[in-house]
């Protein structure tokens, strides 16, 4: 039932995207709901809360659909996504995609980053997230994302708390990761 609901919502969002152009001004206005956690201009200053600035449009839309349908769980997001409609989802996706992504902090542990780069290459992270890890279409931008959020997300994928899209590709990638690889990957990606 849940899969059918997500499918119907997805078709509605995607087909709606083709029928109506996104309204950036409306997206910016609706994004005021998001600034308390995700930060001004979509750059989070809050631990374990991702930055949304520079995320691909379709990625934002899919995550909102998953959250709204209950396929992705978040106690903090549930009251928010209950307030948004398909036009809001389309507008929010376009708005956050239009913003400059966060600047990565200086790398304070290049050795850990080298290990993270090796783990990223070994797990073929670039095959979905692109060579620059900027994401594309419905795949997340992970370059410059908050390090502790990347740690949390990888742990959630590894434990099955979060399944993601792409036929559970992230769960398959994260499950065999060691704790050392997760730490190194999160550090490396956050400092790109």
Protein backbone atom coordinates (compact mmCIF):
# COMPACT_ATOMS: atom_id res chain seq x y z
CA UNK A 1 0.00 0.00 0.00
CA UNK A 2 2.77 2.43 0.98
CA UNK A 3 4.70 1.66 -2.21
CA UNK A 4 1.59 2.29 -4.30
CA UNK A 5 1.01 5.58 -2.49
CA UNK A 6 4.60 6.70 -3.04
CA UNK A 7 4.27 5.70 -6.69
CA UNK A 8 1.09 7.73 -7.14
CA UNK A 9 2.59 10.73 -5.37
CA UNK A 10 5.74 10.42 -7.42
CA UNK A 11 3.81 10.37 -10.67
CA UNK A 12 1.86 13.40 -9.49
CA UNK A 13 5.03 15.32 -8.62
CA UNK A 14 6.93 14.32 -11.74
CA UNK A 15 4.03 14.84 -14.14
CA UNK A 16 3.23 18.09 -12.39
CA UNK A 17 6.84 19.16 -12.90
CA UNK A 18 6.41 18.77 -16.62
CA UNK A 19 3.11 20.64 -16.68
CA UNK A 20 4.04 23.68 -14.54
CA UNK A 21 7.24 25.61 -14.30
CA UNK A 22 8.50 26.07 -10.77
CA UNK A 23 8.02 29.43 -9.11
CA UNK A 24 11.28 30.41 -7.37
CA UNK A 25 9.67 33.29 -5.49
CA UNK A 26 6.99 30.96 -4.12
CA UNK A 27 9.70 28.43 -3.26
CA UNK A 28 11.68 31.06 -1.38
CA UNK A 29 8.57 32.12 0.52
CA UNK A 30 7.66 28.52 1.43
CA UNK A 31 11.31 27.87 2.42
CA UNK A 32 10.81 30.21 5.37
CA UNK A 33 9.36 27.11 7.08
CA UNK A 34 12.76 25.45 6.58
CA UNK A 35 15.17 28.12 7.83
CA UNK A 36 14.78 27.32 11.53
CA UNK A 37 16.51 23.97 11.02
CA UNK A 38 18.12 24.03 7.57
CA UNK A 39 19.48 27.57 7.96
CA UNK A 40 19.37 30.83 6.06
CA UNK A 41 19.83 30.26 2.35
CA UNK A 42 19.60 26.51 2.97
CA UNK A 43 22.95 26.23 4.77
CA UNK A 44 22.46 24.38 8.02
CA UNK A 45 24.19 25.47 11.21
CA UNK A 46 22.42 22.76 13.22
CA UNK A 47 23.99 19.42 14.09
CA UNK A 48 22.56 16.44 12.18
CA UNK A 49 20.45 18.69 9.95
CA UNK A 50 21.52 18.70 6.28
CA UNK A 51 22.19 21.76 4.19
CA UNK A 52 19.72 21.97 1.31
CA UNK A 53 21.41 24.70 -0.73
CA UNK A 54 22.66 23.40 -4.05
CA UNK A 55 20.89 20.06 -3.78
CA UNK A 56 19.51 18.85 -7.12
CA UNK A 57 15.92 19.88 -7.75
CA UNK A 58 14.60 16.35 -8.25
CA UNK A 59 16.42 15.11 -5.16
CA UNK A 60 14.64 17.69 -2.98
CA UNK A 61 11.31 16.84 -4.60
CA UNK A 62 11.72 13.08 -4.09
CA UNK A 63 12.76 13.46 -0.46
CA UNK A 64 9.73 15.63 0.26
CA UNK A 65 7.47 13.08 -1.44
CA UNK A 66 9.07 10.25 0.57
CA UNK A 67 8.65 12.23 3.79
CA UNK A 68 5.09 13.28 3.05
CA UNK A 69 4.04 9.72 2.20
CA UNK A 70 5.73 8.28 5.30
CA UNK A 71 8.16 6.16 3.24
CA UNK A 72 10.93 8.20 4.89
CA UNK A 73 10.46 8.84 8.60
CA UNK A 74 11.30 12.07 10.42
CA UNK A 75 9.45 13.30 13.49
CA UNK A 76 10.76 16.83 12.87
CA UNK A 77 9.74 16.91 9.20
CA UNK A 78 6.32 15.25 9.45
CA UNK A 79 4.40 18.35 10.63
CA UNK A 80 6.09 20.42 7.89
CA UNK A 81 5.46 18.05 4.98
CA UNK A 82 1.81 17.73 5.97
CA UNK A 83 1.48 21.45 5.14
CA UNK A 84 2.90 21.31 1.60
CA UNK A 85 1.25 20.43 -1.69
CA UNK A 86 2.73 19.31 -5.01
CA UNK A 87 3.27 22.89 -6.21
CA UNK A 88 5.14 23.63 -2.98
CA UNK A 89 7.33 20.57 -3.52
CA UNK A 90 8.12 21.64 -7.09
CA UNK A 91 8.86 25.22 -5.98
CA UNK A 92 11.01 24.17 -3.01
CA UNK A 93 13.05 21.83 -5.20
CA UNK A 94 13.76 24.57 -7.72
CA UNK A 95 14.48 27.16 -5.03
CA UNK A 96 17.02 25.08 -3.07
CA UNK A 97 18.66 23.92 -6.31
CA UNK A 98 19.14 27.57 -7.31
CA UNK A 99 21.13 28.41 -4.16
CA UNK A 100 24.91 28.24 -3.91
CA UNK A 101 25.99 25.11 -2.03
CA UNK A 102 27.80 25.45 1.30
CA UNK A 103 31.53 26.05 1.21
CA UNK A 104 33.50 23.18 2.66
CA UNK A 105 35.55 23.92 5.78
CA UNK A 106 39.34 23.59 5.61
CA UNK A 107 40.45 19.97 5.86
CA UNK A 108 41.90 19.45 9.33
CA UNK A 109 42.77 15.79 8.71
CA UNK A 110 44.11 15.12 5.19
CA UNK A 111 45.08 11.54 6.12
CA UNK A 112 41.48 10.76 7.02
CA UNK A 113 40.34 12.39 3.76
CA UNK A 114 42.72 10.16 1.78
CA UNK A 115 41.16 7.12 3.44
CA UNK A 116 37.72 8.53 2.65
CA UNK A 117 38.67 9.07 -0.99
CA UNK A 118 39.80 5.44 -1.17
CA UNK A 119 36.52 4.28 0.36
CA UNK A 120 34.54 6.45 -2.07
CA UNK A 121 36.44 4.98 -5.02
CA UNK A 122 36.09 1.43 -3.70
CA UNK A 123 32.33 1.83 -3.18
CA UNK A 124 31.94 3.60 -6.54
CA UNK A 125 30.19 6.60 -4.93
CA UNK A 126 30.91 8.74 -8.01
CA UNK A 127 28.87 6.40 -10.22
CA UNK A 128 25.69 7.93 -8.75
CA UNK A 129 26.81 11.13 -7.02
CA UNK A 130 29.06 12.26 -9.96
CA UNK A 131 32.82 12.74 -10.02
CA UNK A 132 32.53 15.96 -8.00
CA UNK A 133 29.95 14.47 -5.62
CA UNK A 134 27.62 17.36 -6.54
CA UNK A 135 24.76 14.95 -7.24
CA UNK A 136 22.48 15.00 -10.23
CA UNK A 137 18.77 14.70 -10.86
CA UNK A 138 17.37 12.63 -7.96
CA UNK A 139 20.80 11.88 -6.42
CA UNK A 140 22.01 13.97 -3.47
CA UNK A 141 24.84 16.45 -3.46
CA UNK A 142 27.16 15.10 -0.76
CA UNK A 143 30.19 17.35 -1.35
CA UNK A 144 30.39 19.94 1.40
CA UNK A 145 27.51 18.47 3.39
CA UNK A 146 27.73 18.63 7.19
CA UNK A 147 30.09 15.91 8.40
CA UNK A 148 27.98 14.73 11.33
CA UNK A 149 24.93 14.56 9.07
CA UNK A 150 26.84 12.39 6.59
CA UNK A 151 27.82 10.12 9.49
CA UNK A 152 24.19 9.90 10.59
CA UNK A 153 22.93 9.24 7.06
CA UNK A 154 25.49 6.49 6.43
CA UNK A 155 24.64 4.85 9.76
CA UNK A 156 20.92 5.10 8.95
CA UNK A 157 21.45 3.45 5.55
CA UNK A 158 23.69 0.76 7.09
CA UNK A 159 21.14 -0.10 9.79
CA UNK A 160 18.16 0.00 7.43
CA UNK A 161 16.51 2.96 9.20
CA UNK A 162 16.68 4.80 5.88
CA UNK A 163 16.34 3.07 2.54
CA UNK A 164 16.56 5.93 0.04
CA UNK A 165 15.62 5.69 -3.59
CA UNK A 166 17.37 3.94 -6.43
CA UNK A 167 16.19 0.46 -5.50
CA UNK A 168 17.91 0.69 -2.11
CA UNK A 169 21.34 1.29 -3.65
CA UNK A 170 22.51 3.23 -0.59
CA UNK A 171 21.61 0.44 1.80
CA UNK A 172 23.61 -1.99 -0.34
CA UNK A 173 26.59 0.38 -0.37
CA UNK A 174 26.46 1.30 3.32
CA UNK A 175 25.80 -2.11 4.84
CA UNK A 176 29.33 -3.52 4.34
CA UNK A 177 31.08 -0.28 5.38
CA UNK A 178 33.22 -0.49 8.50
CA UNK A 179 32.97 2.20 11.16
CA UNK A 180 36.39 3.46 10.06
CA UNK A 181 35.22 3.72 6.43
CA UNK A 182 32.06 5.58 7.45
CA UNK A 183 34.08 8.07 9.48
CA UNK A 184 36.60 8.55 6.67
CA UNK A 185 33.92 8.92 3.99
CA UNK A 186 31.96 11.49 5.98
CA UNK A 187 35.10 13.50 6.65
CA UNK A 188 36.29 13.36 3.04
CA UNK A 189 32.93 14.36 1.54
CA UNK A 190 32.32 17.15 4.04
CA UNK A 191 35.63 18.75 3.11
CA UNK A 192 35.17 18.71 -0.67
